[in-house]
Amino acid sequence: PTCETRAEKKDRIRQLKLEQGAAKVAEELQKYDPQNDPNVTGDPYKTLFVARLNYETSEQKVKRDFEAYGPIKRVSI
């Protein structure tokens, strides 16, 4: 019976997690097909993401504020 040191155990666990993560990424990459995703709406090059909004901000307020820059098709909070 061989005993592993604390550092060896830490390295072994880290390597195992890296391998599992790489396998998961490869699996998800196989499934990734943005052209046939039913949840996608609109052109990604014409989509604006706004972060750090106040919780009390409504969709109407966001639309009103951004209409100064052009027509807005859809707002989702």
C-alpha atoms as a PDB file:
ATOM      1  CA  PRO A   1       0.000   0.000   0.000  1.00  0.00           C
ATOM      2  CA  THR A   2       1.429   3.340  -1.102  1.00  0.00           C
ATOM      3  CA  CYS A   3       0.573   6.490   0.732  1.00  0.00           C
ATOM      4  CA  GLU A   4       0.294   9.730  -1.140  1.00  0.00           C
ATOM      5  CA  THR A   5       1.306  13.019   0.361  1.00  0.00           C
ATOM      6  CA  ARG A   6      -1.070  15.909   0.763  1.00  0.00           C
ATOM      7  CA  ALA A   7       0.509  17.685  -2.229  1.00  0.00           C
ATOM      8  CA  GLU A   8       0.233  14.552  -4.401  1.00  0.00           C
ATOM      9  CA  LYS A   9      -3.420  14.137  -3.440  1.00  0.00           C
ATOM     10  CA  LYS A  10      -4.096  17.793  -4.238  1.00  0.00           C
ATOM     11  CA  ASP A  11      -2.378  17.444  -7.632  1.00  0.00           C
ATOM     12  CA  ARG A  12      -4.278  14.215  -8.390  1.00  0.00           C
ATOM     13  CA  ILE A  13      -7.636  15.801  -7.561  1.00  0.00           C
ATOM     14  CA  ARG A  14      -6.797  18.926  -9.572  1.00  0.00           C
ATOM     15  CA  GLN A  15      -5.793  16.822 -12.587  1.00  0.00           C
ATOM     16  CA  LEU A  16      -8.985  14.754 -12.286  1.00  0.00           C
ATOM     17  CA  LYS A  17     -11.118  17.912 -12.215  1.00  0.00           C
ATOM     18  CA  LEU A  18      -9.269  19.295 -15.252  1.00  0.00           C
ATOM     19  CA  GLU A  19      -9.903  16.085 -17.195  1.00  0.00           C
ATOM     20  CA  GLN A  20     -13.586  16.047 -16.220  1.00  0.00           C
ATOM     21  CA  GLY A  21     -13.938  19.701 -17.209  1.00  0.00           C
ATOM     22  CA  ALA A  22     -12.282  19.099 -20.571  1.00  0.00           C
ATOM     23  CA  ALA A  23     -14.583  16.133 -21.222  1.00  0.00           C
ATOM     24  CA  LYS A  24     -17.649  18.225 -20.353  1.00  0.00           C
ATOM     25  CA  VAL A  25     -16.511  21.058 -22.635  1.00  0.00           C
ATOM     26  CA  ALA A  26     -15.977  18.611 -25.505  1.00  0.00           C
ATOM     27  CA  GLU A  27     -19.434  17.102 -24.928  1.00  0.00           C
ATOM     28  CA  GLU A  28     -21.181  20.482 -24.803  1.00  0.00           C
ATOM     29  CA  LEU A  29     -19.292  21.625 -27.906  1.00  0.00           C
ATOM     30  CA  GLN A  30     -20.733  18.655 -29.792  1.00  0.00           C
ATOM     31  CA  LYS A  31     -24.277  19.752 -28.834  1.00  0.00           C
ATOM     32  CA  TYR A  32     -23.718  23.468 -29.561  1.00  0.00           C
ATOM     33  CA  ASP A  33     -25.719  24.548 -32.618  1.00  0.00           C
ATOM     34  CA  PRO A  34     -26.821  28.194 -32.421  1.00  0.00           C
ATOM     35  CA  GLN A  35     -28.426  28.071 -35.880  1.00  0.00           C
ATOM     36  CA  ASN A  36     -31.099  25.598 -34.724  1.00  0.00           C
ATOM     37  CA  ASP A  37     -31.643  26.833 -31.147  1.00  0.00           C
ATOM     38  CA  PRO A  38     -35.383  27.512 -30.596  1.00  0.00           C
ATOM     39  CA  ASN A  39     -34.640  29.981 -27.767  1.00  0.00           C
ATOM     40  CA  VAL A  40     -32.652  32.354 -29.982  1.00  0.00           C
ATOM     41  CA  THR A  41     -34.518  35.423 -31.187  1.00  0.00           C
ATOM     42  CA  GLY A  42     -33.100  38.188 -33.304  1.00  0.00           C
ATOM     43  CA  ASP A  43     -29.686  38.988 -34.681  1.00  0.00           C
ATOM     44  CA  PRO A  44     -26.838  38.684 -32.148  1.00  0.00           C
ATOM     45  CA  TYR A  45     -25.081  41.637 -33.789  1.00  0.00           C
ATOM     46  CA  LYS A  46     -28.101  43.827 -33.062  1.00  0.00           C
ATOM     47  CA  THR A  47     -28.567  42.771 -29.435  1.00  0.00           C
ATOM     48  CA  LEU A  48     -27.654  44.996 -26.513  1.00  0.00           C
ATOM     49  CA  PHE A  49     -27.082  43.667 -23.000  1.00  0.00           C
ATOM     50  CA  VAL A  50     -27.485  46.173 -20.174  1.00  0.00           C
ATOM     51  CA  ALA A  51     -26.211  45.169 -16.728  1.00  0.00           C
ATOM     52  CA  ARG A  52     -26.546  46.529 -13.195  1.00  0.00           C
ATOM     53  CA  LEU A  53     -30.093  47.843 -13.581  1.00  0.00           C
ATOM     54  CA  ASN A  54     -32.040  48.887 -10.524  1.00  0.00           C
ATOM     55  CA  TYR A  55     -34.485  46.168  -9.437  1.00  0.00           C
ATOM     56  CA  GLU A  56     -37.366  48.640  -9.730  1.00  0.00           C
ATOM     57  CA  THR A  57     -36.590  49.503 -13.376  1.00  0.00           C
ATOM     58  CA  SER A  58     -39.384  48.488 -15.726  1.00  0.00           C
ATOM     59  CA  GLU A  59     -39.210  47.363 -19.345  1.00  0.00           C
ATOM     60  CA  GLN A  60     -41.084  50.525 -20.364  1.00  0.00           C
ATOM     61  CA  LYS A  61     -38.455  52.756 -18.735  1.00  0.00           C
ATOM     62  CA  VAL A  62     -35.581  50.906 -20.422  1.00  0.00           C
ATOM     63  CA  LYS A  63     -37.357  51.094 -23.781  1.00  0.00           C
ATOM     64  CA  ARG A  64     -38.112  54.801 -23.338  1.00  0.00           C
ATOM     65  CA  ASP A  65     -34.487  55.577 -22.414  1.00  0.00           C
ATOM     66  CA  PHE A  66     -32.984  53.661 -25.341  1.00  0.00           C
ATOM     67  CA  GLU A  67     -35.481  54.773 -28.016  1.00  0.00           C
ATOM     68  CA  ALA A  68     -33.433  57.962 -28.336  1.00  0.00           C
ATOM     69  CA  TYR A  69     -30.811  55.844 -30.158  1.00  0.00           C
ATOM     70  CA  GLY A  70     -33.186  54.095 -32.564  1.00  0.00           C
ATOM     71  CA  PRO A  71     -36.216  51.822 -32.781  1.00  0.00           C
ATOM     72  CA  ILE A  72     -36.455  49.031 -30.190  1.00  0.00           C
ATOM     73  CA  LYS A  73     -37.975  45.689 -31.234  1.00  0.00           C
ATOM     74  CA  ARG A  74     -38.049  43.901 -27.889  1.00  0.00           C
ATOM     75  CA  VAL A  75     -37.077  44.496 -24.256  1.00  0.00           C
ATOM     76  CA  SER A  76     -36.647  41.658 -21.781  1.00  0.00           C
ATOM     77  CA  ILE A  77     -35.752  41.965 -18.102  1.00  0.00           C
END
